[in-house]
Protein backbone atom coordinates (compact mmCIF):
# COMPACT_ATOMS: atom_id res chain seq x y z
CA MET A 1 -22.73 23.69 12.33
CA THR A 2 -19.79 23.32 9.73
CA LYS A 3 -20.34 24.78 5.98
CA TYR A 4 -18.36 25.92 3.08
CA VAL A 5 -18.10 29.67 2.27
CA ILE A 6 -16.95 30.37 -1.47
CA ARG A 7 -16.13 33.47 -3.02
CA GLY A 8 -16.88 32.63 -6.62
CA GLY A 9 -15.86 34.30 -9.97
CA LYS A 10 -12.14 32.85 -9.94
CA PRO A 11 -11.06 30.83 -12.74
CA LEU A 12 -8.89 27.68 -11.71
CA TYR A 13 -5.27 26.88 -12.53
CA GLY A 14 -2.80 24.30 -11.35
CA GLU A 15 -3.12 20.61 -10.62
CA ILE A 16 -5.27 18.28 -8.73
CA ASP A 17 -4.30 14.55 -7.68
CA ILE A 18 -7.50 12.35 -7.77
CA SER A 19 -8.11 9.99 -4.64
CA GLY A 20 -8.90 6.48 -4.68
CA ALA A 21 -12.38 5.35 -5.91
CA LYS A 22 -15.27 5.65 -3.38
CA ASN A 23 -17.53 3.28 -5.03
CA ALA A 24 -14.75 0.38 -5.26
CA ALA A 25 -13.64 1.01 -1.77
CA VAL A 26 -16.93 0.30 -0.21
CA ALA A 27 -17.12 -3.05 -1.82
CA ILE A 28 -13.38 -4.03 -1.79
CA ILE A 29 -13.02 -3.36 1.99
CA PRO A 30 -16.39 -5.58 2.95
CA ALA A 31 -14.57 -8.22 0.39
CA ALA A 32 -11.87 -8.38 3.01
CA LEU A 33 -14.42 -10.61 5.06
CA LEU A 34 -13.99 -13.39 2.61
CA VAL A 35 -10.13 -13.36 2.62
CA ASP A 36 -8.33 -16.05 5.06
CA GLY A 37 -5.32 -13.95 6.25
CA VAL A 38 -4.06 -10.30 5.77
CA CYS A 39 -4.83 -8.21 2.85
CA ARG A 40 -3.39 -4.62 2.32
CA ILE A 41 -5.60 -2.33 0.59
CA GLU A 42 -3.69 0.59 -1.00
CA ASN A 43 -5.27 4.17 -2.40
CA ILE A 44 -8.07 4.18 0.06
CA PRO A 45 -9.82 7.34 0.01
CA GLN A 46 -10.02 9.40 3.17
CA ILE A 47 -13.82 9.84 3.33
CA SER A 48 -16.38 9.06 6.05
CA ASP A 49 -17.95 6.07 3.95
CA VAL A 50 -14.72 4.50 4.23
CA THR A 51 -14.03 5.30 7.87
CA MET A 52 -17.60 3.92 8.52
CA ILE A 53 -17.09 0.78 6.63
CA LEU A 54 -13.84 -0.22 8.64
CA ASN A 55 -15.44 0.99 11.73
CA ILE A 56 -18.10 -1.87 10.81
CA LEU A 57 -15.60 -4.44 10.29
CA GLN A 58 -13.76 -3.62 13.73
CA GLU A 59 -16.87 -3.73 15.42
CA LEU A 60 -17.52 -7.25 13.94
CA GLY A 61 -13.91 -8.37 15.18
CA ALA A 62 -11.48 -7.60 12.52
CA ASP A 63 -8.25 -6.48 13.15
CA VAL A 64 -7.84 -3.33 11.19
CA ARG A 65 -4.24 -1.43 11.17
CA THR A 66 -3.51 1.94 9.31
CA VAL A 67 -0.21 1.49 7.57
CA ASN A 68 -0.26 5.32 6.04
CA ARG A 69 -2.64 7.84 5.08
CA THR A 70 -3.95 5.61 2.21
CA THR A 71 -3.36 2.29 3.30
CA VAL A 72 -4.58 -0.44 5.70
CA ASP A 73 -4.05 -3.76 6.66
CA ILE A 74 -7.24 -5.82 7.38
CA ASP A 75 -7.30 -9.34 9.18
CA CYS A 76 -10.82 -10.99 8.96
CA SER A 77 -9.81 -14.38 10.18
CA HIS A 78 -10.88 -14.15 13.68
CA ILE A 79 -14.51 -12.95 13.09
CA ARG A 80 -17.12 -15.11 14.40
CA ASN A 81 -19.82 -12.86 14.19
CA ALA A 82 -22.43 -11.98 11.16
CA ARG A 83 -24.62 -9.58 12.77
CA VAL A 84 -23.84 -5.98 11.48
CA PRO A 85 -24.40 -2.95 14.23
CA ASN A 86 -27.53 -1.18 13.38
CA GLU A 87 -26.42 2.38 13.99
CA LEU A 88 -23.17 2.25 11.68
CA ALA A 89 -24.67 0.36 8.90
CA ARG A 90 -27.71 2.72 8.38
CA LYS A 91 -25.62 5.88 7.55
CA ILE A 92 -24.18 4.52 4.32
CA ARG A 93 -25.64 2.65 1.13
CA ALA A 94 -23.00 0.59 0.69
CA SER A 95 -23.68 -1.56 3.72
CA TYR A 96 -25.42 -4.09 1.59
CA TYR A 97 -22.23 -5.24 0.59
CA LEU A 98 -21.93 -6.89 3.85
CA ILE A 99 -24.78 -9.09 3.00
CA GLY A 100 -23.18 -10.87 0.12
CA ALA A 101 -19.71 -11.20 1.99
CA LEU A 102 -21.11 -12.55 5.24
CA LEU A 103 -23.44 -14.85 3.48
CA GLY A 104 -20.45 -16.18 1.41
CA ARG A 105 -18.24 -16.61 4.27
CA PHE A 106 -20.33 -17.85 7.05
CA GLY A 107 -23.53 -19.14 5.29
CA SER A 108 -25.61 -16.04 7.08
CA ALA A 109 -25.96 -12.53 7.71
CA GLN A 110 -27.85 -9.98 9.70
CA VAL A 111 -27.63 -6.47 8.00
CA PRO A 112 -29.57 -3.42 8.26
CA PRO A 113 -31.05 -1.82 5.06
CA PRO A 114 -28.94 0.83 3.25
CA GLY A 115 -28.86 4.22 4.10
CA GLY A 116 -26.93 7.15 2.58
CA CYS A 117 -28.45 9.77 0.25
CA HIS A 118 -32.02 9.73 -0.25
CA LEU A 119 -32.29 9.26 -4.12
CA GLY A 120 -35.85 7.41 -4.15
CA ASP A 121 -36.14 3.76 -3.62
CA ARG A 122 -32.93 1.77 -3.08
CA PRO A 123 -34.50 -2.07 -3.52
CA ILE A 124 -32.44 -4.78 -2.95
CA ASP A 125 -34.82 -7.17 -4.93
CA GLN A 126 -32.17 -8.18 -7.28
CA HIS A 127 -29.60 -8.64 -4.56
CA ILE A 128 -31.74 -11.03 -2.73
CA LYS A 129 -32.67 -13.02 -6.23
CA GLY A 130 -29.51 -13.67 -6.30
CA PHE A 131 -28.67 -14.73 -3.06
CA VAL A 132 -31.95 -17.05 -3.40
CA ALA A 133 -30.90 -18.40 -6.65
CA MET A 134 -27.56 -19.85 -4.95
CA GLY A 135 -29.59 -21.64 -1.86
CA ALA A 136 -30.11 -18.85 0.53
CA GLU A 137 -33.35 -17.87 2.56
CA VAL A 138 -33.92 -14.26 2.97
CA ASP A 139 -36.50 -12.22 4.77
CA VAL A 140 -36.47 -8.67 6.48
CA ARG A 141 -37.51 -8.49 10.13
CA GLY A 142 -36.69 -6.35 13.18
CA GLY A 143 -35.18 -3.75 11.16
CA PHE A 144 -32.52 -6.18 9.73
CA VAL A 145 -32.08 -8.25 6.17
CA ASN A 146 -31.69 -11.62 7.59
CA ALA A 147 -29.94 -14.17 4.99
CA TRP A 148 -29.15 -17.77 5.72
CA VAL A 149 -28.22 -20.99 4.17
CA LYS A 150 -29.80 -24.16 5.71
CA ASP A 151 -28.02 -26.43 7.80
CA GLY A 152 -25.09 -24.11 7.87
CA LYS A 153 -24.02 -25.26 4.29
CA ARG A 154 -22.17 -23.19 1.47
CA LEU A 155 -24.25 -21.29 -0.94
CA SER A 156 -24.25 -23.31 -4.05
CA GLY A 157 -23.60 -21.63 -7.93
CA ALA A 158 -26.32 -20.90 -10.07
CA GLN A 159 -27.37 -18.72 -13.14
CA VAL A 160 -28.66 -15.45 -12.12
CA TYR A 161 -30.43 -13.08 -14.93
CA LEU A 162 -30.74 -9.47 -13.20
CA ASP A 163 -34.10 -7.84 -14.38
CA ILE A 164 -32.36 -4.56 -14.67
CA VAL A 165 -28.60 -3.13 -14.62
CA SER A 166 -27.69 -3.08 -11.08
CA VAL A 167 -24.42 -2.21 -9.94
CA GLY A 168 -24.81 -3.19 -6.36
CA ALA A 169 -26.71 -6.33 -7.11
CA THR A 170 -23.82 -7.46 -9.82
CA MET A 171 -21.22 -6.56 -7.01
CA ASN A 172 -23.26 -8.33 -4.34
CA ILE A 173 -23.68 -11.36 -5.74
CA MET A 174 -20.14 -11.44 -6.81
CA LEU A 175 -18.88 -11.41 -3.08
CA ALA A 176 -21.42 -14.35 -2.48
CA ALA A 177 -20.62 -16.40 -5.23
CA THR A 178 -16.80 -16.43 -4.70
CA LEU A 179 -16.69 -19.18 -2.03
CA ALA A 180 -20.15 -20.82 -3.18
CA GLU A 181 -19.89 -24.57 -4.40
CA GLY A 182 -19.95 -24.61 -8.26
CA THR A 183 -20.17 -21.96 -10.80
CA THR A 184 -22.31 -18.76 -10.77
CA VAL A 185 -23.15 -16.85 -13.78
CA ILE A 186 -24.56 -13.48 -13.70
CA GLU A 187 -26.40 -12.21 -16.89
CA ASN A 188 -27.36 -8.71 -17.69
CA ALA A 189 -24.45 -7.58 -15.41
CA ALA A 190 -23.53 -3.90 -14.70
CA LYS A 191 -20.00 -3.07 -16.26
CA GLU A 192 -18.69 -0.08 -14.29
CA PRO A 193 -14.81 0.34 -13.50
CA HIS A 194 -15.45 -0.41 -9.99
CA ILE A 195 -17.21 -3.69 -10.71
CA VAL A 196 -13.94 -4.54 -12.84
CA ASP A 197 -11.88 -3.50 -10.02
CA LEU A 198 -13.84 -5.61 -7.15
CA ALA A 199 -13.36 -8.56 -9.63
CA ASN A 200 -9.40 -7.85 -9.71
CA PHE A 201 -9.12 -7.44 -6.17
CA LEU A 202 -10.78 -10.73 -5.29
CA ASN A 203 -8.82 -12.65 -7.99
CA SER A 204 -5.90 -11.18 -6.60
CA MET A 205 -6.78 -13.08 -3.49
CA GLY A 206 -7.63 -16.58 -5.23
CA ALA A 207 -10.90 -15.92 -6.48
CA ARG A 208 -11.95 -17.06 -9.88
CA ILE A 209 -13.91 -14.56 -11.61
CA MET A 210 -14.15 -13.99 -15.35
CA GLY A 211 -15.90 -11.50 -17.75
CA ALA A 212 -15.99 -8.46 -15.26
CA GLY A 213 -16.46 -5.43 -17.37
CA THR A 214 -18.90 -7.45 -19.99
CA ASP A 215 -22.78 -8.25 -19.20
CA VAL A 216 -22.03 -11.76 -18.37
CA ILE A 217 -19.76 -12.53 -15.47
CA LYS A 218 -18.95 -16.23 -14.25
CA ILE A 219 -17.80 -17.11 -10.87
CA LYS A 220 -15.93 -20.32 -10.22
CA GLY A 221 -16.30 -20.83 -6.44
CA VAL A 222 -13.19 -21.67 -4.34
CA ASP A 223 -12.65 -22.92 -1.25
CA ARG A 224 -10.40 -19.90 0.46
CA LEU A 225 -9.22 -16.60 -0.40
CA ASN A 226 -5.65 -15.88 0.63
CA GLY A 227 -4.30 -12.62 1.93
CA GLY A 228 -2.34 -10.19 -0.58
CA THR A 229 -1.93 -6.39 -1.39
CA TYR A 230 -4.27 -4.31 -3.85
CA SER A 231 -4.30 -1.10 -4.87
CA ILE A 232 -7.84 0.53 -5.53
CA ILE A 233 -8.54 2.50 -9.13
CA PRO A 234 -8.57 6.42 -9.02
CA ASP A 235 -12.29 7.89 -8.41
CA GLN A 236 -13.92 8.56 -12.00
CA ILE A 237 -16.57 10.88 -10.32
CA GLU A 238 -14.26 12.81 -8.42
CA ALA A 239 -12.03 13.39 -11.49
CA GLY A 240 -15.19 14.28 -13.47
CA THR A 241 -16.22 16.61 -10.53
CA TYR A 242 -13.21 18.66 -10.92
CA MET A 243 -13.45 18.61 -14.61
CA ALA A 244 -16.68 19.99 -14.33
CA ALA A 245 -15.49 22.62 -12.09
CA VAL A 246 -13.00 23.78 -14.42
CA ALA A 247 -15.74 23.82 -17.31
CA ALA A 248 -18.00 26.21 -15.19
CA THR A 249 -15.29 28.43 -14.00
CA GLY A 250 -12.78 28.46 -16.89
CA GLY A 251 -9.13 28.25 -16.62
CA GLU A 252 -6.62 25.32 -16.86
CA VAL A 253 -6.34 22.38 -14.55
CA LEU A 254 -4.14 19.14 -15.02
CA ILE A 255 -6.07 16.53 -13.36
CA LYS A 256 -3.64 13.62 -12.25
CA ASN A 257 -3.82 9.76 -11.01
CA VAL A 258 -7.09 8.98 -13.48
CA ILE A 259 -7.65 6.60 -16.11
CA PRO A 260 -8.44 8.51 -18.98
CA LYS A 261 -10.70 5.79 -20.27
CA HIS A 262 -13.03 5.73 -17.51
CA LEU A 263 -13.67 9.57 -18.34
CA GLU A 264 -14.41 9.18 -21.79
CA CYS A 265 -18.21 9.76 -21.14
CA ILE A 266 -17.76 12.75 -19.35
CA THR A 267 -15.18 14.05 -21.70
CA ALA A 268 -17.24 13.67 -24.85
CA LYS A 269 -20.06 15.80 -23.18
CA LEU A 270 -17.57 18.66 -21.84
CA VAL A 271 -16.12 18.62 -25.54
CA GLU A 272 -19.38 19.28 -26.73
CA THR A 273 -19.95 22.24 -24.53
CA GLY A 274 -16.47 23.77 -25.88
CA VAL A 275 -14.23 22.51 -23.21
CA GLU A 276 -10.77 21.58 -24.30
CA VAL A 277 -9.82 18.17 -22.78
CA GLU A 278 -6.27 16.65 -23.40
CA GLU A 279 -5.74 13.03 -22.57
CA ARG A 280 -2.40 11.99 -21.15
CA ASP A 281 -1.20 8.40 -19.90
CA ASP A 282 -2.65 9.11 -16.12
CA ALA A 283 -3.97 12.36 -16.60
CA VAL A 284 -6.36 14.72 -18.45
CA LEU A 285 -5.68 18.54 -19.03
CA VAL A 286 -8.98 20.34 -19.07
CA ARG A 287 -8.88 24.14 -20.16
CA ARG A 288 -11.43 26.58 -21.08
CA ASP A 289 -11.24 30.35 -21.79
CA PRO A 290 -13.20 32.22 -19.14
CA SER A 291 -14.17 35.01 -21.60
CA VAL A 292 -15.68 32.55 -24.04
CA ARG A 293 -19.23 30.97 -23.34
CA LEU A 294 -20.07 27.26 -23.34
CA THR A 295 -22.16 25.52 -25.62
CA ARG A 296 -25.61 23.90 -24.72
CA THR A 297 -25.96 20.20 -25.14
CA ASN A 298 -28.14 17.20 -24.20
CA ILE A 299 -27.35 14.55 -21.42
CA LYS A 300 -29.20 11.18 -20.67
CA THR A 301 -27.84 9.37 -17.80
CA LEU A 302 -27.09 5.49 -18.34
CA PRO A 303 -25.39 2.80 -16.99
CA TYR A 304 -21.78 2.37 -17.76
CA PRO A 305 -20.22 3.26 -20.31
CA GLY A 306 -23.08 5.77 -20.67
CA PHE A 307 -23.00 8.98 -19.21
CA PRO A 308 -22.96 8.27 -15.43
CA THR A 309 -25.90 9.55 -13.00
CA ASP A 310 -23.41 10.53 -10.19
CA MET A 311 -21.99 13.16 -12.64
CA GLN A 312 -25.72 14.64 -13.43
CA PRO A 313 -25.69 17.53 -11.04
CA GLN A 314 -22.51 18.51 -11.64
CA MET A 315 -22.85 18.58 -15.48
CA ALA A 316 -26.42 20.61 -15.04
CA VAL A 317 -24.58 23.40 -13.25
CA VAL A 318 -22.18 23.52 -16.28
CA LEU A 319 -24.95 23.48 -18.53
CA SER A 320 -27.01 26.26 -16.59
CA LEU A 321 -23.85 28.76 -17.54
CA ALA A 322 -23.93 27.39 -21.45
CA GLU A 323 -25.53 29.33 -24.28
CA GLY A 324 -28.96 28.03 -25.43
CA THR A 325 -31.38 25.33 -23.88
CA SER A 326 -29.72 22.13 -22.91
CA VAL A 327 -32.16 19.02 -21.86
CA VAL A 328 -31.19 16.61 -19.33
CA THR A 329 -32.69 13.27 -18.48
CA GLU A 330 -32.01 10.93 -15.78
CA GLY A 331 -32.07 7.57 -16.66
CA VAL A 332 -31.07 5.90 -13.25
CA TRP A 333 -32.60 7.32 -10.03
CA ASP A 334 -36.06 8.61 -9.37
CA ASN A 335 -35.13 11.76 -7.11
CA ARG A 336 -31.91 13.03 -8.61
CA TYR A 337 -33.37 16.69 -9.09
CA ARG A 338 -33.60 17.64 -5.41
CA TYR A 339 -30.95 20.31 -6.11
CA VAL A 340 -33.00 22.15 -8.55
CA ASP A 341 -34.45 24.46 -6.31
CA GLU A 342 -31.03 25.08 -4.54
CA ILE A 343 -29.49 26.14 -7.86
CA ARG A 344 -32.52 28.29 -8.67
CA ARG A 345 -31.32 30.43 -5.58
CA MET A 346 -28.32 31.31 -7.61
CA GLY A 347 -30.23 32.32 -10.63
CA ALA A 348 -30.25 29.27 -12.68
CA GLN A 349 -33.28 28.45 -15.07
CA PHE A 350 -34.27 24.81 -14.33
CA GLN A 351 -37.69 23.42 -15.60
CA VAL A 352 -38.12 19.85 -14.07
CA ASP A 353 -40.72 17.45 -15.43
CA GLY A 354 -40.47 13.90 -13.72
CA LYS A 355 -37.08 12.65 -15.16
CA VAL A 356 -36.64 15.49 -17.71
CA ALA A 357 -35.05 18.87 -16.94
CA VAL A 358 -34.83 21.79 -19.25
CA ILE A 359 -32.05 24.13 -18.66
CA GLU A 360 -32.18 27.76 -20.14
CA GLY A 361 -28.50 29.00 -19.77
CA VAL A 362 -27.97 32.36 -18.19
CA ASP A 363 -25.15 34.60 -18.19
CA HIS A 364 -23.80 34.17 -14.85
CA LEU A 365 -25.02 32.63 -11.43
CA THR A 366 -25.26 34.92 -8.01
CA GLY A 367 -24.00 33.69 -4.86
CA ALA A 368 -26.44 32.64 -2.12
CA PRO A 369 -27.01 30.18 1.03
CA VAL A 370 -27.69 26.78 -0.63
CA ARG A 371 -27.38 23.12 0.92
CA ALA A 372 -26.21 19.87 -0.23
CA CYS A 373 -29.12 17.56 -0.50
CA ASP A 374 -26.97 14.56 -1.34
CA LEU A 375 -23.35 13.68 -1.92
CA ARG A 376 -23.69 14.57 -5.62
CA ALA A 377 -25.76 17.60 -5.41
CA GLY A 378 -23.64 18.80 -2.87
CA ALA A 379 -20.28 18.90 -5.21
CA ALA A 380 -22.73 20.44 -7.89
CA MET A 381 -23.45 23.55 -5.47
CA VAL A 382 -19.69 24.02 -4.74
CA ILE A 383 -19.21 24.07 -8.54
CA ALA A 384 -21.96 26.43 -8.48
CA GLY A 385 -20.60 28.67 -5.88
CA LEU A 386 -17.20 28.54 -7.59
CA ALA A 387 -18.57 29.95 -11.01
CA ALA A 388 -20.95 32.61 -9.34
CA HIS A 389 -20.50 36.36 -8.41
CA GLY A 390 -20.37 36.97 -5.11
CA VAL A 391 -20.45 34.62 -1.77
CA THR A 392 -22.20 31.17 -1.75
CA GLU A 393 -22.55 29.55 1.49
CA VAL A 394 -23.05 25.42 1.49
CA ASP A 395 -24.67 23.79 4.20
CA CYS A 396 -25.04 19.93 5.07
CA ILE A 397 -21.41 19.46 3.89
CA HIS A 398 -21.41 15.94 5.62
CA TYR A 399 -22.89 14.60 2.44
CA ILE A 400 -20.20 16.09 0.25
CA GLU A 401 -17.32 14.52 2.93
CA ARG A 402 -18.99 11.01 2.27
CA GLY A 403 -17.25 10.82 -0.98
CA TYR A 404 -14.61 13.73 -1.55
CA GLU A 405 -11.35 13.78 0.26
CA ASP A 406 -9.89 17.15 1.20
CA ILE A 407 -12.21 18.88 -1.39
CA VAL A 408 -11.43 22.42 0.34
CA ARG A 409 -7.77 21.86 0.24
CA LYS A 410 -7.73 20.66 -3.58
CA LEU A 411 -9.75 23.35 -4.91
CA SER A 412 -7.85 26.03 -2.71
CA GLY A 413 -4.66 24.53 -4.41
CA VAL A 414 -5.86 25.62 -7.71
CA GLY A 415 -7.16 29.08 -6.75
CA ALA A 416 -10.34 28.46 -5.60
CA ASP A 417 -11.64 30.89 -2.44
CA ILE A 418 -13.22 28.44 -0.32
CA ARG A 419 -13.00 27.65 3.32
CA VAL A 420 -14.52 25.99 6.05
CA VAL A 421 -16.41 27.89 8.63
CA VAL A 422 -17.93 26.60 11.83
CA THR A 423 -20.76 28.42 13.12
CA PRO A 424 -22.87 27.69 16.77
CA ASP A 425 -25.95 25.77 16.51
CA GLU A 426 -28.78 28.14 17.39
CA ASP A 427 -30.98 25.40 18.54
CA LYS A 428 -28.45 24.08 20.81
CA GLN A 429 -27.75 27.59 22.11
CA ALA A 430 -31.40 28.09 22.44
CA GLN A 431 -31.61 24.75 24.97
CA VAL A 432 -28.49 25.96 26.79
CA GLY A 433 -30.12 29.57 27.45
């Protein structure tokens, strides 16, 4: 069993470099299935979700070559198999992007339903709606999502109106439509930065996608995509997480390799609590006097450019230390508050009713054994441990490593007392005995 052991109460000072965006990488790598030739993808984060997606492509027959720590060459031109291995795909949510990519290239796909963190239902009905509109038939049987176009034909361009703003459906329909015959229009599309990044990647390989970043995206199908080189954008949520860590602990940290505009929704809320944020060309300087208490504020998570749901647990920890009463409303996921029982162990005062959490700020948190319920909840527990008095042990860290590259090294580099500890598994010991 592996866990993080954190001795809290130390302000953070120094610099942190942000890695490539997880949510962009897990869609751009499957998009390589559509490319006829070698595509070099740069600024890839070293996280377990990316490793699994690359392993899936290799299982399908892709040639994946590591150029350096953050760069890979992917050649999918020899793939002939559209059935994705069950055990790998079930571990990550982003496996559903393989449906759009394989359907677009082969006219068929067999992919297990998405896995990843348990945040409530992850319906893919809007994805399927788009595929069906483009001429595919879709059903779920034998533990797979099966999609195909009759008689081996290509998908056809279509008008698709999403009933809800869905990042996954927007990106998946873009993937499927890239090699379709005719023009596909996605209305009520999501606008997140990683959607724009996927469109930019595909366009750099020869796709014709317009309007990414707005609520109407047009994709004019092309016959083929050519190889090329593309660099993934910095991770908005990783940057926001370290910004929240400075807010919770105090100190001054320069967070480098970011796009400040992508962080504006996070910056605005931190500034409301009394944190200083100075924007630079490709960095933000985050500063808080550890002797001055934070100020309460309210947050509602919304699709971009609203406050991101993936920052809600981290920001809730910050607000648990703010003076006064804060209200957090979760507008995206049904099950985002599973971390509340963990943070209460550390002395936080949370009352949750459905999608609304009322947080009474406390003077300090106290270290305790806690677990990561999911990726972002795990990051929140790390932040709580950094700010708390005493020692915090964070279990189930495999969730955290799904989306954060070198989190222990990066935090240690700015003065945090955090280390990885491996302990024997008591159940296994009992079995051996």
